[in-house]
Amino acid sequence: KMGKNITLVGGVGDGQTCKVANQIIVALNIEAVGE
């Protein structure tokens, strides 16, 4: 009801690890686009 791409990444804590990885990619892409 809240999202479209819903993935069971692994056990408890793995969702947060995945989100940190996501934020690394997003930040570096923002930096690249800005440059």
ModelCIF file with pLDDT and N, C-alpha, C, O atoms, coordinates in Angstrom:
data_MODEL
#
_entry.id   MODEL 
#
_entity.id                         1 
_entity.type                       polymer 
_entity.pdbx_number_of_molecules   1 
#
_entity_poly.entity_id                      1 
_entity_poly.type                           'polypeptide(L)' 
_entity_poly.nstd_linkage                   no 
_entity_poly.nstd_monomer                   no 
_entity_poly.pdbx_seq_one_letter_code       KMGKNITLVGGVGDGQTCKVANQIIVALNIEAVGE 
_entity_poly.pdbx_seq_one_letter_code_can   KMGKNITLVGGVGDGQTCKVANQIIVALNIEAVGE 
_entity_poly.pdbx_strand_id                 A 
#
loop_
_entity_poly_seq.entity_id 
_entity_poly_seq.num 
_entity_poly_seq.mon_id 
_entity_poly_seq.hetero 
1 1  LYS n 
1 2  MET n 
1 3  GLY n 
1 4  LYS n 
1 5  ASN n 
1 6  ILE n 
1 7  THR n 
1 8  LEU n 
1 9  VAL n 
1 10 GLY n 
1 11 GLY n 
1 12 VAL n 
1 13 GLY n 
1 14 ASP n 
1 15 GLY n 
1 16 GLN n 
1 17 THR n 
1 18 CYS n 
1 19 LYS n 
1 20 VAL n 
1 21 ALA n 
1 22 ASN n 
1 23 GLN n 
1 24 ILE n 
1 25 ILE n 
1 26 VAL n 
1 27 ALA n 
1 28 LEU n 
1 29 ASN n 
1 30 ILE n 
1 31 GLU n 
1 32 ALA n 
1 33 VAL n 
1 34 GLY n 
1 35 GLU n 
#
_struct_asym.id          A 
_struct_asym.entity_id   1 
#
loop_
_ma_qa_metric.id 
_ma_qa_metric.mode 
_ma_qa_metric.name 
_ma_qa_metric.software_group_id 
_ma_qa_metric.type 
1 global pLDDT . pLDDT 
2 local  pLDDT . pLDDT 
#
_ma_qa_metric_global.metric_id      1 
_ma_qa_metric_global.metric_value   97.26 
_ma_qa_metric_global.model_id       1 
_ma_qa_metric_global.ordinal_id     1 
#
loop_
_ma_qa_metric_local.label_asym_id 
_ma_qa_metric_local.label_comp_id 
_ma_qa_metric_local.label_seq_id 
_ma_qa_metric_local.metric_id 
_ma_qa_metric_local.metric_value 
_ma_qa_metric_local.model_id 
_ma_qa_metric_local.ordinal_id 
A LYS 1  2 98.00 1 1  
A MET 2  2 98.00 1 2  
A GLY 3  2 98.00 1 3  
A LYS 4  2 96.00 1 4  
A ASN 5  2 96.00 1 5  
A ILE 6  2 98.00 1 6  
A THR 7  2 98.00 1 7  
A LEU 8  2 98.00 1 8  
A VAL 9  2 98.00 1 9  
A GLY 10 2 98.00 1 10 
A GLY 11 2 98.00 1 11 
A VAL 12 2 97.00 1 12 
A GLY 13 2 96.00 1 13 
A ASP 14 2 98.00 1 14 
A GLY 15 2 98.00 1 15 
A GLN 16 2 97.00 1 16 
A THR 17 2 97.00 1 17 
A CYS 18 2 97.00 1 18 
A LYS 19 2 96.00 1 19 
A VAL 20 2 96.00 1 20 
A ALA 21 2 97.00 1 21 
A ASN 22 2 94.00 1 22 
A GLN 23 2 96.00 1 23 
A ILE 24 2 97.00 1 24 
A ILE 25 2 97.00 1 25 
A VAL 26 2 96.00 1 26 
A ALA 27 2 97.00 1 27 
A LEU 28 2 98.00 1 28 
A ASN 29 2 98.00 1 29 
A ILE 30 2 98.00 1 30 
A GLU 31 2 98.00 1 31 
A ALA 32 2 98.00 1 32 
A VAL 33 2 98.00 1 33 
A GLY 34 2 98.00 1 34 
A GLU 35 2 98.00 1 35 
#
loop_
_atom_site.group_PDB 
_atom_site.id 
_atom_site.type_symbol 
_atom_site.label_atom_id 
_atom_site.label_alt_id 
_atom_site.label_comp_id 
_atom_site.label_asym_id 
_atom_site.label_entity_id 
_atom_site.label_seq_id 
_atom_site.pdbx_PDB_ins_code 
_atom_site.Cartn_x 
_atom_site.Cartn_y 
_atom_site.Cartn_z 
_atom_site.occupancy 
_atom_site.B_iso_or_equiv 
_atom_site.pdbx_formal_charge 
_atom_site.auth_seq_id 
_atom_site.auth_comp_id 
_atom_site.auth_asym_id 
_atom_site.auth_atom_id 
_atom_site.pdbx_PDB_model_num 
ATOM 1   N N  . LYS A 1 1  ? 0.823  -1.208  0.000   1.00 98.00 ? 1  LYS A N  1 
ATOM 2   C CA . LYS A 1 1  ? 0.000  0.000   0.000   1.00 98.00 ? 1  LYS A CA 1 
ATOM 3   C C  . LYS A 1 1  ? 0.862  1.264   0.000   1.00 98.00 ? 1  LYS A C  1 
ATOM 4   O O  . LYS A 1 1  ? 0.372  2.360   -0.273  1.00 98.00 ? 1  LYS A O  1 
ATOM 5   N N  . MET A 1 2  ? 2.156  1.098   0.310   1.00 98.00 ? 2  MET A N  1 
ATOM 6   C CA . MET A 1 2  ? 3.045  2.260   0.419   1.00 98.00 ? 2  MET A CA 1 
ATOM 7   C C  . MET A 1 2  ? 4.148  2.289   -0.630  1.00 98.00 ? 2  MET A C  1 
ATOM 8   O O  . MET A 1 2  ? 4.730  3.343   -0.881  1.00 98.00 ? 2  MET A O  1 
ATOM 9   N N  . GLY A 1 3  ? 4.446  1.135   -1.253  1.00 98.00 ? 3  GLY A N  1 
ATOM 10  C CA . GLY A 1 3  ? 5.568  1.085   -2.181  1.00 98.00 ? 3  GLY A CA 1 
ATOM 11  C C  . GLY A 1 3  ? 5.340  0.134   -3.331  1.00 98.00 ? 3  GLY A C  1 
ATOM 12  O O  . GLY A 1 3  ? 4.345  -0.589  -3.377  1.00 98.00 ? 3  GLY A O  1 
ATOM 13  N N  . LYS A 1 4  ? 6.278  0.148   -4.258  1.00 96.00 ? 4  LYS A N  1 
ATOM 14  C CA . LYS A 1 4  ? 6.197  -0.676  -5.468  1.00 96.00 ? 4  LYS A CA 1 
ATOM 15  C C  . LYS A 1 4  ? 7.295  -1.736  -5.516  1.00 96.00 ? 4  LYS A C  1 
ATOM 16  O O  . LYS A 1 4  ? 7.024  -2.905  -5.790  1.00 96.00 ? 4  LYS A O  1 
ATOM 17  N N  . ASN A 1 5  ? 8.524  -1.328  -5.251  1.00 96.00 ? 5  ASN A N  1 
ATOM 18  C CA . ASN A 1 5  ? 9.662  -2.247  -5.302  1.00 96.00 ? 5  ASN A CA 1 
ATOM 19  C C  . ASN A 1 5  ? 9.965  -2.700  -3.883  1.00 96.00 ? 5  ASN A C  1 
ATOM 20  O O  . ASN A 1 5  ? 10.629 -1.986  -3.132  1.00 96.00 ? 5  ASN A O  1 
ATOM 21  N N  . ILE A 1 6  ? 9.488  -3.869  -3.513  1.00 98.00 ? 6  ILE A N  1 
ATOM 22  C CA . ILE A 1 6  ? 9.587  -4.359  -2.135  1.00 98.00 ? 6  ILE A CA 1 
ATOM 23  C C  . ILE A 1 6  ? 10.441 -5.621  -2.141  1.00 98.00 ? 6  ILE A C  1 
ATOM 24  O O  . ILE A 1 6  ? 10.080 -6.620  -2.763  1.00 98.00 ? 6  ILE A O  1 
ATOM 25  N N  . THR A 1 7  ? 11.577 -5.570  -1.446  1.00 98.00 ? 7  THR A N  1 
ATOM 26  C CA . THR A 1 7  ? 12.531 -6.682  -1.494  1.00 98.00 ? 7  THR A CA 1 
ATOM 27  C C  . THR A 1 7  ? 12.901 -7.137  -0.091  1.00 98.00 ? 7  THR A C  1 
ATOM 28  O O  . THR A 1 7  ? 13.297 -6.327  0.747   1.00 98.00 ? 7  THR A O  1 
ATOM 29  N N  . LEU A 1 8  ? 12.772 -8.428  0.160   1.00 98.00 ? 8  LEU A N  1 
ATOM 30  C CA . LEU A 1 8  ? 13.300 -9.008  1.387   1.00 98.00 ? 8  LEU A CA 1 
ATOM 31  C C  . LEU A 1 8  ? 14.793 -9.234  1.161   1.00 98.00 ? 8  LEU A C  1 
ATOM 32  O O  . LEU A 1 8  ? 15.191 -10.160 0.454   1.00 98.00 ? 8  LEU A O  1 
ATOM 33  N N  . VAL A 1 9  ? 15.606 -8.386  1.765   1.00 98.00 ? 9  VAL A N  1 
ATOM 34  C CA . VAL A 1 9  ? 17.045 -8.414  1.537   1.00 98.00 ? 9  VAL A CA 1 
ATOM 35  C C  . VAL A 1 9  ? 17.702 -9.535  2.333   1.00 98.00 ? 9  VAL A C  1 
ATOM 36  O O  . VAL A 1 9  ? 18.636 -10.182 1.860   1.00 98.00 ? 9  VAL A O  1 
ATOM 37  N N  . GLY A 1 10 ? 17.205 -9.756  3.543   1.00 98.00 ? 10 GLY A N  1 
ATOM 38  C CA . GLY A 1 10 ? 17.801 -10.764 4.416   1.00 98.00 ? 10 GLY A CA 1 
ATOM 39  C C  . GLY A 1 10 ? 17.216 -10.653 5.802   1.00 98.00 ? 10 GLY A C  1 
ATOM 40  O O  . GLY A 1 10 ? 16.055 -10.279 5.965   1.00 98.00 ? 10 GLY A O  1 
ATOM 41  N N  . GLY A 1 11 ? 18.022 -10.978 6.810   1.00 98.00 ? 11 GLY A N  1 
ATOM 42  C CA . GLY A 1 11 ? 17.565 -10.929 8.185   1.00 98.00 ? 11 GLY A CA 1 
ATOM 43  C C  . GLY A 1 11 ? 17.512 -9.514  8.728   1.00 98.00 ? 11 GLY A C  1 
ATOM 44  O O  . GLY A 1 11 ? 17.860 -8.555  8.040   1.00 98.00 ? 11 GLY A O  1 
ATOM 45  N N  . VAL A 1 12 ? 17.070 -9.398  9.980   1.00 97.00 ? 12 VAL A N  1 
ATOM 46  C CA . VAL A 1 12 ? 16.946 -8.085  10.610  1.00 97.00 ? 12 VAL A CA 1 
ATOM 47  C C  . VAL A 1 12 ? 18.296 -7.361  10.581  1.00 97.00 ? 12 VAL A C  1 
ATOM 48  O O  . VAL A 1 12 ? 19.328 -7.928  10.940  1.00 97.00 ? 12 VAL A O  1 
ATOM 49  N N  . GLY A 1 13 ? 18.268 -6.113  10.151  1.00 96.00 ? 13 GLY A N  1 
ATOM 50  C CA . GLY A 1 13 ? 19.473 -5.294  9.997   1.00 96.00 ? 13 GLY A CA 1 
ATOM 51  C C  . GLY A 1 13 ? 19.935 -5.196  8.563   1.00 96.00 ? 13 GLY A C  1 
ATOM 52  O O  . GLY A 1 13 ? 20.591 -4.225  8.186   1.00 96.00 ? 13 GLY A O  1 
ATOM 53  N N  . ASP A 1 14 ? 19.598 -6.200  7.746   1.00 98.00 ? 14 ASP A N  1 
ATOM 54  C CA . ASP A 1 14 ? 20.039 -6.175  6.347   1.00 98.00 ? 14 ASP A CA 1 
ATOM 55  C C  . ASP A 1 14 ? 19.291 -5.118  5.537   1.00 98.00 ? 14 ASP A C  1 
ATOM 56  O O  . ASP A 1 14 ? 19.827 -4.595  4.560   1.00 98.00 ? 14 ASP A O  1 
ATOM 57  N N  . GLY A 1 15 ? 18.078 -4.804  5.928   1.00 98.00 ? 15 GLY A N  1 
ATOM 58  C CA . GLY A 1 15 ? 17.357 -3.725  5.258   1.00 98.00 ? 15 GLY A CA 1 
ATOM 59  C C  . GLY A 1 15 ? 18.080 -2.400  5.446   1.00 98.00 ? 15 GLY A C  1 
ATOM 60  O O  . GLY A 1 15 ? 18.233 -1.626  4.501   1.00 98.00 ? 15 GLY A O  1 
ATOM 61  N N  . GLN A 1 16 ? 18.528 -2.142  6.686   1.00 97.00 ? 16 GLN A N  1 
ATOM 62  C CA . GLN A 1 16 ? 19.256 -0.897  6.961   1.00 97.00 ? 16 GLN A CA 1 
ATOM 63  C C  . GLN A 1 16 ? 20.599 -0.870  6.239   1.00 97.00 ? 16 GLN A C  1 
ATOM 64  O O  . GLN A 1 16 ? 21.021 0.181   5.756   1.00 97.00 ? 16 GLN A O  1 
ATOM 65  N N  . THR A 1 17 ? 21.266 -2.008  6.164   1.00 97.00 ? 17 THR A N  1 
ATOM 66  C CA . THR A 1 17 ? 22.531 -2.065  5.419   1.00 97.00 ? 17 THR A CA 1 
ATOM 67  C C  . THR A 1 17 ? 22.300 -1.727  3.957   1.00 97.00 ? 17 THR A C  1 
ATOM 68  O O  . THR A 1 17 ? 23.084 -0.994  3.354   1.00 97.00 ? 17 THR A O  1 
ATOM 69  N N  . CYS A 1 18 ? 21.227 -2.259  3.387   1.00 97.00 ? 18 CYS A N  1 
ATOM 70  C CA . CYS A 1 18 ? 20.881 -1.961  1.998   1.00 97.00 ? 18 CYS A CA 1 
ATOM 71  C C  . CYS A 1 18 ? 20.601 -0.479  1.813   1.00 97.00 ? 18 CYS A C  1 
ATOM 72  O O  . CYS A 1 18 ? 21.008 0.111   0.813   1.00 97.00 ? 18 CYS A O  1 
ATOM 73  N N  . LYS A 1 19 ? 19.900 0.131   2.782   1.00 96.00 ? 19 LYS A N  1 
ATOM 74  C CA . LYS A 1 19 ? 19.582 1.550   2.668   1.00 96.00 ? 19 LYS A CA 1 
ATOM 75  C C  . LYS A 1 19 ? 20.850 2.404   2.724   1.00 96.00 ? 19 LYS A C  1 
ATOM 76  O O  . LYS A 1 19 ? 20.963 3.394   2.001   1.00 96.00 ? 19 LYS A O  1 
ATOM 77  N N  . VAL A 1 20 ? 21.791 2.030   3.570   1.00 96.00 ? 20 VAL A N  1 
ATOM 78  C CA . VAL A 1 20 ? 23.058 2.768   3.610   1.00 96.00 ? 20 VAL A CA 1 
ATOM 79  C C  . VAL A 1 20 ? 23.755 2.684   2.249   1.00 96.00 ? 20 VAL A C  1 
ATOM 80  O O  . VAL A 1 20 ? 24.277 3.681   1.751   1.00 96.00 ? 20 VAL A O  1 
ATOM 81  N N  . ALA A 1 21 ? 23.759 1.488   1.652   1.00 97.00 ? 21 ALA A N  1 
ATOM 82  C CA . ALA A 1 21 ? 24.350 1.334   0.316   1.00 97.00 ? 21 ALA A CA 1 
ATOM 83  C C  . ALA A 1 21 ? 23.631 2.222   -0.697  1.00 97.00 ? 21 ALA A C  1 
ATOM 84  O O  . ALA A 1 21 ? 24.263 2.845   -1.549  1.00 97.00 ? 21 ALA A O  1 
ATOM 85  N N  . ASN A 1 22 ? 22.305 2.272   -0.594  1.00 94.00 ? 22 ASN A N  1 
ATOM 86  C CA . ASN A 1 22 ? 21.505 3.133   -1.480  1.00 94.00 ? 22 ASN A CA 1 
ATOM 87  C C  . ASN A 1 22 ? 21.940 4.588   -1.344  1.00 94.00 ? 22 ASN A C  1 
ATOM 88  O O  . ASN A 1 22 ? 22.094 5.295   -2.340  1.00 94.00 ? 22 ASN A O  1 
ATOM 89  N N  . GLN A 1 23 ? 22.137 5.026   -0.107  1.00 96.00 ? 23 GLN A N  1 
ATOM 90  C CA . GLN A 1 23 ? 22.461 6.431   0.122   1.00 96.00 ? 23 GLN A CA 1 
ATOM 91  C C  . GLN A 1 23 ? 23.864 6.784   -0.349  1.00 96.00 ? 23 GLN A C  1 
ATOM 92  O O  . GLN A 1 23 ? 24.125 7.925   -0.729  1.00 96.00 ? 23 GLN A O  1 
ATOM 93  N N  . ILE A 1 24 ? 24.765 5.810   -0.326  1.00 97.00 ? 24 ILE A N  1 
ATOM 94  C CA . ILE A 1 24 ? 26.091 6.032   -0.908  1.00 97.00 ? 24 ILE A CA 1 
ATOM 95  C C  . ILE A 1 24 ? 25.953 6.300   -2.406  1.00 97.00 ? 24 ILE A C  1 
ATOM 96  O O  . ILE A 1 24 ? 26.522 7.257   -2.930  1.00 97.00 ? 24 ILE A O  1 
ATOM 97  N N  . ILE A 1 25 ? 25.196 5.446   -3.084  1.00 97.00 ? 25 ILE A N  1 
ATOM 98  C CA . ILE A 1 25 ? 25.036 5.573   -4.537  1.00 97.00 ? 25 ILE A CA 1 
ATOM 99  C C  . ILE A 1 25 ? 24.351 6.888   -4.892  1.00 97.00 ? 25 ILE A C  1 
ATOM 100 O O  . ILE A 1 25 ? 24.773 7.578   -5.819  1.00 97.00 ? 25 ILE A O  1 
ATOM 101 N N  . VAL A 1 26 ? 23.301 7.235   -4.160  1.00 96.00 ? 26 VAL A N  1 
ATOM 102 C CA . VAL A 1 26 ? 22.565 8.468   -4.450  1.00 96.00 ? 26 VAL A CA 1 
ATOM 103 C C  . VAL A 1 26 ? 23.454 9.690   -4.250  1.00 96.00 ? 26 VAL A C  1 
ATOM 104 O O  . VAL A 1 26 ? 23.478 10.590  -5.090  1.00 96.00 ? 26 VAL A O  1 
ATOM 105 N N  . ALA A 1 27 ? 24.184 9.720   -3.139  1.00 97.00 ? 27 ALA A N  1 
ATOM 106 C CA . ALA A 1 27 ? 25.039 10.881  -2.854  1.00 97.00 ? 27 ALA A CA 1 
ATOM 107 C C  . ALA A 1 27 ? 26.107 11.059  -3.922  1.00 97.00 ? 27 ALA A C  1 
ATOM 108 O O  . ALA A 1 27 ? 26.355 12.173  -4.384  1.00 97.00 ? 27 ALA A O  1 
ATOM 109 N N  . LEU A 1 28 ? 26.744 9.947   -4.316  1.00 98.00 ? 28 LEU A N  1 
ATOM 110 C CA . LEU A 1 28 ? 27.810 10.051  -5.318  1.00 98.00 ? 28 LEU A CA 1 
ATOM 111 C C  . LEU A 1 28 ? 27.255 10.438  -6.683  1.00 98.00 ? 28 LEU A C  1 
ATOM 112 O O  . LEU A 1 28 ? 27.929 11.114  -7.460  1.00 98.00 ? 28 LEU A O  1 
ATOM 113 N N  . ASN A 1 29 ? 26.032 10.014  -6.974  1.00 98.00 ? 29 ASN A N  1 
ATOM 114 C CA . ASN A 1 29 ? 25.403 10.430  -8.229  1.00 98.00 ? 29 ASN A CA 1 
ATOM 115 C C  . ASN A 1 29 ? 25.032 11.908  -8.209  1.00 98.00 ? 29 ASN A C  1 
ATOM 116 O O  . ASN A 1 29 ? 25.184 12.600  -9.216  1.00 98.00 ? 29 ASN A O  1 
ATOM 117 N N  . ILE A 1 30 ? 24.552 12.390  -7.082  1.00 98.00 ? 30 ILE A N  1 
ATOM 118 C CA . ILE A 1 30 ? 24.263 13.825  -6.969  1.00 98.00 ? 30 ILE A CA 1 
ATOM 119 C C  . ILE A 1 30 ? 25.540 14.632  -7.152  1.00 98.00 ? 30 ILE A C  1 
ATOM 120 O O  . ILE A 1 30 ? 25.550 15.646  -7.850  1.00 98.00 ? 30 ILE A O  1 
ATOM 121 N N  . GLU A 1 31 ? 26.614 14.176  -6.522  1.00 98.00 ? 31 GLU A N  1 
ATOM 122 C CA . GLU A 1 31 ? 27.909 14.855  -6.682  1.00 98.00 ? 31 GLU A CA 1 
ATOM 123 C C  . GLU A 1 31 ? 28.346 14.843  -8.145  1.00 98.00 ? 31 GLU A C  1 
ATOM 124 O O  . GLU A 1 31 ? 28.812 15.859  -8.660  1.00 98.00 ? 31 GLU A O  1 
ATOM 125 N N  . ALA A 1 32 ? 28.199 13.704  -8.814  1.00 98.00 ? 32 ALA A N  1 
ATOM 126 C CA . ALA A 1 32 ? 28.623 13.595  -10.218 1.00 98.00 ? 32 ALA A CA 1 
ATOM 127 C C  . ALA A 1 32 ? 27.792 14.505  -11.118 1.00 98.00 ? 32 ALA A C  1 
ATOM 128 O O  . ALA A 1 32 ? 28.336 15.175  -11.996 1.00 98.00 ? 32 ALA A O  1 
ATOM 129 N N  . VAL A 1 33 ? 26.486 14.533  -10.906 1.00 98.00 ? 33 VAL A N  1 
ATOM 130 C CA . VAL A 1 33 ? 25.622 15.400  -11.713 1.00 98.00 ? 33 VAL A CA 1 
ATOM 131 C C  . VAL A 1 33 ? 25.975 16.866  -11.468 1.00 98.00 ? 33 VAL A C  1 
ATOM 132 O O  . VAL A 1 33 ? 26.025 17.663  -12.405 1.00 98.00 ? 33 VAL A O  1 
ATOM 133 N N  . GLY A 1 34 ? 26.217 17.214  -10.214 1.00 98.00 ? 34 GLY A N  1 
ATOM 134 C CA . GLY A 1 34 ? 26.589 18.588  -9.900  1.00 98.00 ? 34 GLY A CA 1 
ATOM 135 C C  . GLY A 1 34 ? 27.881 18.990  -10.578 1.00 98.00 ? 34 GLY A C  1 
ATOM 136 O O  . GLY A 1 34 ? 27.971 20.082  -11.141 1.00 98.00 ? 34 GLY A O  1 
ATOM 137 N N  . GLU A 1 35 ? 28.885 18.125  -10.535 1.00 98.00 ? 35 GLU A N  1 
ATOM 138 C CA . GLU A 1 35 ? 30.160 18.433  -11.173 1.00 98.00 ? 35 GLU A CA 1 
ATOM 139 C C  . GLU A 1 35 ? 29.999 18.573  -12.683 1.00 98.00 ? 35 GLU A C  1 
ATOM 140 O O  . GLU A 1 35 ? 30.975 18.833  -13.387 1.00 98.00 ? 35 GLU A O  1 
#
